[in-house]
Amino acid sequence: MLGDQQHVDEAKANDIPCMDVESLKKLNKNKKLVKKLAKKYDAFLASDTLIKQIPRILGPGLSKAGKFPTLLTHNESMTGKVEEVKSTIKFQMKKVLCLSVAIGHVTMSAEDLVSNIVLAVNFLISLLKKGWQNVRALYIKSTMGPSQRLY
């Protein structure tokens, strides 16, 4: 959580790691420190007042790492937003023709996994220009198991 005083207090109360403007300025656009910060966490939340200043304070480090903060307004629940960010996946389509995405974990029920797979596949197809015509094959794979072809 990168935030103003109100969000920092709320984050400390909820036991969420946080930094205020002063501690961000201490990084002083030092590329190594910003990179270390980006590696340490999977995602960031930022106060609406602070989000415009982040590129100026930290430089382009977070954007390059693909972890630019998500906006958090004062009337949103911080714990709710943290859970939402944790349960969100990001499709990063580059020039490579192959794409892999996490859709669940071991403790999830079969119904939850099926709904996640259907949701992820349909969203991915909606991103593609020609829809299903751009898909040659879909596979599903567990961590240690063999891959199964879906399409």
N, C-alpha and C. Protein backbone atom coordinates (compact mmCIF):
# COMPACT_ATOMS: atom_id res chain seq x y z
N MET A 1 0.84 -1.18 0.00
CA MET A 1 0.00 0.00 0.00
C MET A 1 0.88 1.24 0.00
N LEU A 2 0.78 2.02 -1.03
CA LEU A 2 1.47 3.30 -1.09
C LEU A 2 0.40 4.36 -0.88
N GLY A 3 0.43 5.06 0.27
CA GLY A 3 -0.70 5.92 0.52
C GLY A 3 -0.45 7.15 1.34
N ASP A 4 -1.52 7.95 1.45
CA ASP A 4 -1.48 9.11 2.32
C ASP A 4 -1.68 8.65 3.77
N GLN A 5 -1.68 9.57 4.71
CA GLN A 5 -1.69 9.22 6.13
C GLN A 5 -2.90 8.37 6.53
N GLN A 6 -4.08 8.71 6.00
CA GLN A 6 -5.29 7.96 6.34
C GLN A 6 -5.20 6.50 5.90
N HIS A 7 -4.73 6.27 4.67
CA HIS A 7 -4.59 4.91 4.17
C HIS A 7 -3.48 4.15 4.90
N VAL A 8 -2.40 4.84 5.24
CA VAL A 8 -1.30 4.19 5.97
C VAL A 8 -1.78 3.71 7.34
N ASP A 9 -2.55 4.55 8.04
CA ASP A 9 -3.10 4.16 9.35
C ASP A 9 -4.02 2.96 9.21
N GLU A 10 -4.89 2.98 8.19
CA GLU A 10 -5.82 1.87 7.96
C GLU A 10 -5.06 0.59 7.62
N ALA A 11 -3.98 0.71 6.82
CA ALA A 11 -3.18 -0.45 6.44
C ALA A 11 -2.49 -1.05 7.66
N LYS A 12 -1.95 -0.19 8.52
CA LYS A 12 -1.29 -0.68 9.74
C LYS A 12 -2.28 -1.40 10.64
N ALA A 13 -3.52 -0.87 10.72
CA ALA A 13 -4.56 -1.50 11.54
C ALA A 13 -4.93 -2.88 10.99
N ASN A 14 -4.90 -3.03 9.67
CA ASN A 14 -5.26 -4.31 9.03
C ASN A 14 -4.05 -5.19 8.77
N ASP A 15 -2.88 -4.78 9.25
CA ASP A 15 -1.65 -5.57 9.11
C ASP A 15 -1.25 -5.75 7.64
N ILE A 16 -1.38 -4.67 6.86
CA ILE A 16 -0.99 -4.67 5.44
C ILE A 16 0.28 -3.84 5.32
N PRO A 17 1.34 -4.35 4.64
CA PRO A 17 2.56 -3.55 4.49
C PRO A 17 2.27 -2.25 3.75
N CYS A 18 2.86 -1.13 4.24
CA CYS A 18 2.54 0.16 3.63
C CYS A 18 3.74 1.11 3.67
N MET A 19 3.69 2.12 2.80
CA MET A 19 4.72 3.16 2.74
C MET A 19 4.02 4.50 2.51
N ASP A 20 4.51 5.55 3.18
CA ASP A 20 3.96 6.87 2.95
C ASP A 20 4.87 7.65 1.99
N VAL A 21 4.49 8.89 1.70
CA VAL A 21 5.21 9.70 0.72
C VAL A 21 6.69 9.88 1.11
N GLU A 22 6.94 10.13 2.41
CA GLU A 22 8.32 10.36 2.87
C GLU A 22 9.21 9.14 2.62
N SER A 23 8.69 7.94 2.95
CA SER A 23 9.50 6.73 2.75
C SER A 23 9.71 6.44 1.26
N LEU A 24 8.75 6.85 0.41
CA LEU A 24 8.92 6.69 -1.04
C LEU A 24 9.99 7.66 -1.55
N LYS A 25 10.00 8.88 -0.99
CA LYS A 25 11.00 9.86 -1.42
C LYS A 25 12.41 9.44 -1.01
N LYS A 26 12.52 8.62 0.07
CA LYS A 26 13.83 8.13 0.50
C LYS A 26 14.45 7.22 -0.56
N LEU A 27 13.61 6.53 -1.34
CA LEU A 27 14.13 5.69 -2.42
C LEU A 27 14.80 6.55 -3.49
N ASN A 28 14.32 7.80 -3.64
CA ASN A 28 14.98 8.82 -4.44
C ASN A 28 15.33 8.38 -5.86
N LYS A 29 14.39 7.72 -6.54
CA LYS A 29 14.58 7.23 -7.91
C LYS A 29 15.78 6.30 -8.06
N ASN A 30 16.26 5.75 -6.94
CA ASN A 30 17.37 4.80 -6.99
C ASN A 30 16.84 3.51 -7.63
N LYS A 31 17.31 3.23 -8.85
CA LYS A 31 16.75 2.13 -9.64
C LYS A 31 16.80 0.79 -8.90
N LYS A 32 17.92 0.53 -8.22
CA LYS A 32 18.07 -0.76 -7.53
C LYS A 32 17.05 -0.91 -6.41
N LEU A 33 16.84 0.17 -5.64
CA LEU A 33 15.88 0.09 -4.53
C LEU A 33 14.45 -0.04 -5.04
N VAL A 34 14.11 0.68 -6.12
CA VAL A 34 12.76 0.59 -6.69
C VAL A 34 12.53 -0.81 -7.24
N LYS A 35 13.54 -1.37 -7.90
CA LYS A 35 13.45 -2.72 -8.46
C LYS A 35 13.26 -3.75 -7.34
N LYS A 36 13.98 -3.54 -6.24
CA LYS A 36 13.89 -4.43 -5.09
C LYS A 36 12.48 -4.38 -4.50
N LEU A 37 11.92 -3.16 -4.42
CA LEU A 37 10.55 -2.97 -3.93
C LEU A 37 9.55 -3.68 -4.85
N ALA A 38 9.73 -3.54 -6.16
CA ALA A 38 8.83 -4.16 -7.14
C ALA A 38 8.90 -5.68 -7.06
N LYS A 39 10.10 -6.23 -6.81
CA LYS A 39 10.27 -7.68 -6.71
C LYS A 39 9.65 -8.24 -5.45
N LYS A 40 9.67 -7.42 -4.39
CA LYS A 40 9.22 -7.89 -3.07
C LYS A 40 7.73 -8.19 -3.04
N TYR A 41 6.92 -7.42 -3.79
CA TYR A 41 5.46 -7.58 -3.75
C TYR A 41 4.91 -7.92 -5.14
N ASP A 42 3.76 -8.62 -5.14
CA ASP A 42 3.12 -9.01 -6.40
C ASP A 42 2.30 -7.87 -6.99
N ALA A 43 1.73 -7.02 -6.12
CA ALA A 43 0.89 -5.92 -6.61
C ALA A 43 0.93 -4.76 -5.62
N PHE A 44 0.54 -3.59 -6.09
CA PHE A 44 0.54 -2.40 -5.25
C PHE A 44 -0.81 -1.70 -5.33
N LEU A 45 -1.20 -1.07 -4.22
CA LEU A 45 -2.36 -0.20 -4.19
C LEU A 45 -1.85 1.20 -3.86
N ALA A 46 -2.48 2.23 -4.42
CA ALA A 46 -2.05 3.60 -4.12
C ALA A 46 -3.27 4.49 -3.89
N SER A 47 -3.11 5.45 -2.99
CA SER A 47 -4.18 6.43 -2.72
C SER A 47 -4.42 7.28 -3.95
N ASP A 48 -5.66 7.74 -4.10
CA ASP A 48 -5.99 8.57 -5.26
C ASP A 48 -5.19 9.87 -5.28
N THR A 49 -4.83 10.39 -4.11
CA THR A 49 -4.06 11.63 -4.06
C THR A 49 -2.60 11.41 -4.46
N LEU A 50 -2.11 10.17 -4.25
CA LEU A 50 -0.69 9.88 -4.45
C LEU A 50 -0.37 9.29 -5.82
N ILE A 51 -1.36 8.68 -6.46
CA ILE A 51 -1.09 7.89 -7.67
C ILE A 51 -0.48 8.73 -8.81
N LYS A 52 -0.84 10.01 -8.90
CA LYS A 52 -0.29 10.87 -9.95
C LYS A 52 1.18 11.20 -9.70
N GLN A 53 1.59 11.18 -8.43
CA GLN A 53 2.96 11.55 -8.08
C GLN A 53 3.95 10.38 -8.16
N ILE A 54 3.45 9.16 -8.20
CA ILE A 54 4.33 7.98 -8.13
C ILE A 54 5.38 7.95 -9.23
N PRO A 55 5.05 8.19 -10.51
CA PRO A 55 6.10 8.20 -11.53
C PRO A 55 7.17 9.28 -11.26
N ARG A 56 6.74 10.42 -10.69
CA ARG A 56 7.69 11.48 -10.38
C ARG A 56 8.61 11.10 -9.21
N ILE A 57 8.03 10.43 -8.19
CA ILE A 57 8.81 10.08 -7.00
C ILE A 57 9.72 8.88 -7.25
N LEU A 58 9.18 7.82 -7.86
CA LEU A 58 9.91 6.57 -8.01
C LEU A 58 10.56 6.37 -9.38
N GLY A 59 10.16 7.14 -10.36
CA GLY A 59 10.66 6.91 -11.71
C GLY A 59 9.88 5.79 -12.38
N PRO A 60 10.39 5.28 -13.50
CA PRO A 60 9.62 4.30 -14.27
C PRO A 60 9.75 2.84 -13.79
N GLY A 61 10.40 2.61 -12.66
CA GLY A 61 10.70 1.25 -12.19
C GLY A 61 9.50 0.34 -12.05
N LEU A 62 8.43 0.84 -11.40
CA LEU A 62 7.25 0.00 -11.19
C LEU A 62 6.53 -0.29 -12.50
N SER A 63 6.49 0.69 -13.39
CA SER A 63 5.83 0.49 -14.69
C SER A 63 6.58 -0.55 -15.52
N LYS A 64 7.91 -0.47 -15.51
CA LYS A 64 8.71 -1.44 -16.26
C LYS A 64 8.52 -2.84 -15.74
N ALA A 65 8.34 -2.97 -14.42
CA ALA A 65 8.14 -4.28 -13.81
C ALA A 65 6.70 -4.77 -14.02
N GLY A 66 5.85 -3.91 -14.61
CA GLY A 66 4.45 -4.29 -14.85
C GLY A 66 3.63 -4.30 -13.58
N LYS A 67 4.05 -3.51 -12.59
CA LYS A 67 3.35 -3.50 -11.30
C LYS A 67 2.92 -2.10 -10.88
N PHE A 68 2.45 -1.31 -11.84
CA PHE A 68 1.99 0.04 -11.49
C PHE A 68 0.79 -0.10 -10.55
N PRO A 69 0.72 0.71 -9.50
CA PRO A 69 -0.31 0.54 -8.47
C PRO A 69 -1.75 0.68 -8.99
N THR A 70 -2.64 -0.04 -8.31
CA THR A 70 -4.07 0.07 -8.56
C THR A 70 -4.62 1.19 -7.69
N LEU A 71 -5.58 1.94 -8.20
CA LEU A 71 -6.15 3.08 -7.49
C LEU A 71 -7.03 2.62 -6.32
N LEU A 72 -6.87 3.26 -5.17
CA LEU A 72 -7.71 3.01 -4.00
C LEU A 72 -8.25 4.34 -3.51
N THR A 73 -9.57 4.53 -3.57
CA THR A 73 -10.16 5.78 -3.10
C THR A 73 -10.49 5.65 -1.61
N HIS A 74 -10.82 6.77 -0.97
CA HIS A 74 -11.07 6.75 0.48
C HIS A 74 -12.39 6.07 0.84
N ASN A 75 -13.34 6.00 -0.08
CA ASN A 75 -14.62 5.37 0.28
C ASN A 75 -14.65 3.87 -0.04
N GLU A 76 -13.54 3.31 -0.57
CA GLU A 76 -13.47 1.87 -0.82
C GLU A 76 -12.88 1.16 0.40
N SER A 77 -13.31 -0.08 0.60
CA SER A 77 -12.77 -0.89 1.69
C SER A 77 -11.37 -1.38 1.30
N MET A 78 -10.38 -1.14 2.15
CA MET A 78 -9.01 -1.54 1.82
C MET A 78 -8.86 -3.06 1.76
N THR A 79 -9.41 -3.76 2.76
CA THR A 79 -9.28 -5.22 2.78
C THR A 79 -10.00 -5.85 1.58
N GLY A 80 -11.16 -5.27 1.21
CA GLY A 80 -11.89 -5.76 0.03
C GLY A 80 -11.09 -5.58 -1.24
N LYS A 81 -10.45 -4.42 -1.37
CA LYS A 81 -9.64 -4.12 -2.55
C LYS A 81 -8.41 -5.03 -2.61
N VAL A 82 -7.79 -5.30 -1.44
CA VAL A 82 -6.63 -6.21 -1.38
C VAL A 82 -7.04 -7.60 -1.86
N GLU A 83 -8.20 -8.09 -1.39
CA GLU A 83 -8.68 -9.42 -1.82
C GLU A 83 -8.97 -9.43 -3.32
N GLU A 84 -9.55 -8.33 -3.82
CA GLU A 84 -9.86 -8.23 -5.25
C GLU A 84 -8.58 -8.28 -6.09
N VAL A 85 -7.55 -7.56 -5.64
CA VAL A 85 -6.27 -7.55 -6.37
C VAL A 85 -5.61 -8.93 -6.32
N LYS A 86 -5.73 -9.60 -5.16
CA LYS A 86 -5.15 -10.94 -5.02
C LYS A 86 -5.82 -11.94 -5.95
N SER A 87 -7.12 -11.77 -6.18
CA SER A 87 -7.85 -12.75 -6.99
C SER A 87 -7.94 -12.36 -8.46
N THR A 88 -7.19 -11.34 -8.87
CA THR A 88 -7.20 -10.90 -10.26
C THR A 88 -5.97 -11.42 -10.98
N ILE A 89 -6.16 -11.90 -12.22
CA ILE A 89 -5.01 -12.31 -13.02
C ILE A 89 -4.82 -11.33 -14.17
N LYS A 90 -3.63 -11.33 -14.72
CA LYS A 90 -3.29 -10.37 -15.75
C LYS A 90 -2.86 -11.13 -17.01
N PHE A 91 -3.54 -10.89 -18.12
CA PHE A 91 -3.13 -11.48 -19.39
C PHE A 91 -2.12 -10.54 -20.02
N GLN A 92 -0.87 -10.98 -20.13
CA GLN A 92 0.13 -10.15 -20.77
C GLN A 92 0.48 -10.76 -22.12
N MET A 93 -0.10 -10.19 -23.17
CA MET A 93 0.13 -10.71 -24.50
C MET A 93 1.27 -9.95 -25.17
N LYS A 94 2.33 -10.68 -25.44
CA LYS A 94 3.47 -10.06 -26.11
C LYS A 94 3.53 -10.63 -27.52
N LYS A 95 4.70 -10.59 -28.11
CA LYS A 95 4.85 -11.10 -29.48
C LYS A 95 4.83 -12.63 -29.52
N VAL A 96 5.04 -13.26 -28.36
CA VAL A 96 5.08 -14.73 -28.30
C VAL A 96 3.67 -15.28 -28.54
N LEU A 97 3.60 -16.43 -29.18
CA LEU A 97 2.30 -17.00 -29.52
C LEU A 97 1.73 -17.89 -28.43
N CYS A 98 2.47 -18.06 -27.34
CA CYS A 98 2.05 -18.94 -26.25
C CYS A 98 1.75 -18.10 -25.00
N LEU A 99 0.73 -18.48 -24.26
CA LEU A 99 0.33 -17.72 -23.09
C LEU A 99 -0.06 -18.68 -21.98
N SER A 100 0.45 -18.47 -20.76
CA SER A 100 0.05 -19.33 -19.64
C SER A 100 -0.42 -18.47 -18.48
N VAL A 101 -1.46 -18.95 -17.80
CA VAL A 101 -2.09 -18.18 -16.73
C VAL A 101 -2.47 -19.11 -15.59
N ALA A 102 -2.30 -18.66 -14.35
CA ALA A 102 -2.75 -19.42 -13.19
C ALA A 102 -4.25 -19.22 -13.04
N ILE A 103 -4.99 -20.31 -12.85
CA ILE A 103 -6.44 -20.17 -12.73
C ILE A 103 -6.98 -20.72 -11.42
N GLY A 104 -6.12 -21.25 -10.58
CA GLY A 104 -6.60 -21.78 -9.30
C GLY A 104 -5.45 -22.33 -8.47
N HIS A 105 -5.82 -22.92 -7.32
CA HIS A 105 -4.82 -23.55 -6.47
C HIS A 105 -5.37 -24.85 -5.90
N VAL A 106 -4.55 -25.59 -5.21
CA VAL A 106 -4.86 -26.95 -4.77
C VAL A 106 -6.11 -27.02 -3.89
N THR A 107 -6.32 -26.04 -3.03
CA THR A 107 -7.42 -26.12 -2.06
C THR A 107 -8.78 -25.76 -2.64
N MET A 108 -8.83 -25.34 -3.92
CA MET A 108 -10.11 -24.96 -4.53
C MET A 108 -10.92 -26.19 -4.93
N SER A 109 -12.25 -26.07 -4.87
CA SER A 109 -13.12 -27.18 -5.28
C SER A 109 -13.13 -27.29 -6.81
N ALA A 110 -13.58 -28.43 -7.30
CA ALA A 110 -13.63 -28.67 -8.75
C ALA A 110 -14.55 -27.66 -9.44
N GLU A 111 -15.67 -27.33 -8.79
CA GLU A 111 -16.62 -26.37 -9.39
C GLU A 111 -15.97 -24.99 -9.55
N ASP A 112 -15.22 -24.56 -8.51
CA ASP A 112 -14.54 -23.26 -8.57
C ASP A 112 -13.52 -23.25 -9.70
N LEU A 113 -12.78 -24.34 -9.82
CA LEU A 113 -11.76 -24.42 -10.89
C LEU A 113 -12.42 -24.36 -12.27
N VAL A 114 -13.52 -25.10 -12.44
CA VAL A 114 -14.22 -25.10 -13.73
C VAL A 114 -14.72 -23.70 -14.06
N SER A 115 -15.32 -23.02 -13.07
CA SER A 115 -15.83 -21.67 -13.33
C SER A 115 -14.69 -20.71 -13.65
N ASN A 116 -13.53 -20.86 -12.97
CA ASN A 116 -12.37 -20.01 -13.27
C ASN A 116 -11.84 -20.27 -14.68
N ILE A 117 -11.80 -21.53 -15.08
CA ILE A 117 -11.31 -21.89 -16.42
C ILE A 117 -12.22 -21.27 -17.48
N VAL A 118 -13.54 -21.46 -17.32
CA VAL A 118 -14.50 -20.94 -18.28
C VAL A 118 -14.39 -19.41 -18.37
N LEU A 119 -14.30 -18.76 -17.22
CA LEU A 119 -14.19 -17.30 -17.18
C LEU A 119 -12.91 -16.83 -17.86
N ALA A 120 -11.78 -17.47 -17.54
CA ALA A 120 -10.49 -17.07 -18.11
C ALA A 120 -10.46 -17.29 -19.62
N VAL A 121 -10.96 -18.43 -20.08
CA VAL A 121 -10.95 -18.74 -21.52
C VAL A 121 -11.84 -17.75 -22.27
N ASN A 122 -13.06 -17.51 -21.76
CA ASN A 122 -13.98 -16.58 -22.44
C ASN A 122 -13.42 -15.17 -22.48
N PHE A 123 -12.75 -14.75 -21.39
CA PHE A 123 -12.16 -13.41 -21.38
C PHE A 123 -11.01 -13.32 -22.37
N LEU A 124 -10.19 -14.37 -22.42
CA LEU A 124 -9.07 -14.40 -23.36
C LEU A 124 -9.57 -14.33 -24.80
N ILE A 125 -10.60 -15.09 -25.10
CA ILE A 125 -11.17 -15.10 -26.47
C ILE A 125 -11.72 -13.72 -26.81
N SER A 126 -12.31 -13.03 -25.83
CA SER A 126 -12.84 -11.68 -26.10
C SER A 126 -11.72 -10.68 -26.39
N LEU A 127 -10.51 -10.95 -25.90
CA LEU A 127 -9.37 -10.06 -26.17
C LEU A 127 -8.81 -10.24 -27.58
N LEU A 128 -8.97 -11.43 -28.13
CA LEU A 128 -8.40 -11.72 -29.44
C LEU A 128 -9.25 -11.12 -30.55
N LYS A 129 -8.58 -10.65 -31.61
CA LYS A 129 -9.29 -9.97 -32.70
C LYS A 129 -10.28 -10.89 -33.41
N LYS A 130 -9.84 -12.10 -33.76
CA LYS A 130 -10.71 -13.00 -34.50
C LYS A 130 -11.34 -14.06 -33.60
N GLY A 131 -11.27 -13.89 -32.30
CA GLY A 131 -11.90 -14.84 -31.38
C GLY A 131 -11.28 -16.22 -31.47
N TRP A 132 -12.15 -17.24 -31.58
CA TRP A 132 -11.71 -18.63 -31.58
C TRP A 132 -10.84 -18.98 -32.79
N GLN A 133 -10.91 -18.18 -33.86
CA GLN A 133 -10.09 -18.47 -35.04
C GLN A 133 -8.60 -18.28 -34.75
N ASN A 134 -8.28 -17.50 -33.72
CA ASN A 134 -6.88 -17.27 -33.35
C ASN A 134 -6.34 -18.33 -32.39
N VAL A 135 -7.18 -19.26 -31.95
CA VAL A 135 -6.75 -20.26 -30.97
C VAL A 135 -6.50 -21.59 -31.68
N ARG A 136 -5.28 -22.09 -31.56
CA ARG A 136 -4.98 -23.39 -32.15
C ARG A 136 -5.26 -24.50 -31.14
N ALA A 137 -4.84 -24.29 -29.88
CA ALA A 137 -5.03 -25.33 -28.86
C ALA A 137 -5.09 -24.70 -27.47
N LEU A 138 -5.84 -25.34 -26.59
CA LEU A 138 -5.90 -24.93 -25.18
C LEU A 138 -5.55 -26.15 -24.33
N TYR A 139 -4.65 -25.96 -23.40
CA TYR A 139 -4.26 -27.03 -22.50
C TYR A 139 -4.48 -26.60 -21.07
N ILE A 140 -4.76 -27.58 -20.21
CA ILE A 140 -4.83 -27.31 -18.78
C ILE A 140 -3.80 -28.22 -18.12
N LYS A 141 -3.09 -27.68 -17.11
CA LYS A 141 -2.02 -28.45 -16.49
C LYS A 141 -1.95 -28.17 -15.01
N SER A 142 -1.81 -29.22 -14.22
CA SER A 142 -1.55 -29.03 -12.79
C SER A 142 -0.04 -28.91 -12.61
N THR A 143 0.39 -28.59 -11.42
CA THR A 143 1.81 -28.32 -11.18
C THR A 143 2.69 -29.50 -11.57
N MET A 144 2.35 -30.68 -11.11
CA MET A 144 3.20 -31.83 -11.37
C MET A 144 2.61 -32.80 -12.40
N GLY A 145 1.35 -32.64 -12.75
CA GLY A 145 0.69 -33.60 -13.62
C GLY A 145 0.92 -33.34 -15.09
N PRO A 146 0.48 -34.28 -15.92
CA PRO A 146 0.60 -34.09 -17.38
C PRO A 146 -0.44 -33.07 -17.86
N SER A 147 -0.18 -32.48 -19.03
CA SER A 147 -1.13 -31.48 -19.55
C SER A 147 -2.27 -32.20 -20.28
N GLN A 148 -3.47 -31.63 -20.18
CA GLN A 148 -4.66 -32.17 -20.84
C GLN A 148 -5.14 -31.17 -21.86
N ARG A 149 -5.43 -31.64 -23.08
CA ARG A 149 -5.89 -30.73 -24.13
C ARG A 149 -7.39 -30.47 -23.97
N LEU A 150 -7.76 -29.19 -23.98
CA LEU A 150 -9.18 -28.81 -23.88
C LEU A 150 -9.79 -28.52 -25.24
N TYR A 151 -9.00 -27.88 -26.11
CA TYR A 151 -9.54 -27.46 -27.40
C TYR A 151 -8.48 -27.63 -28.46
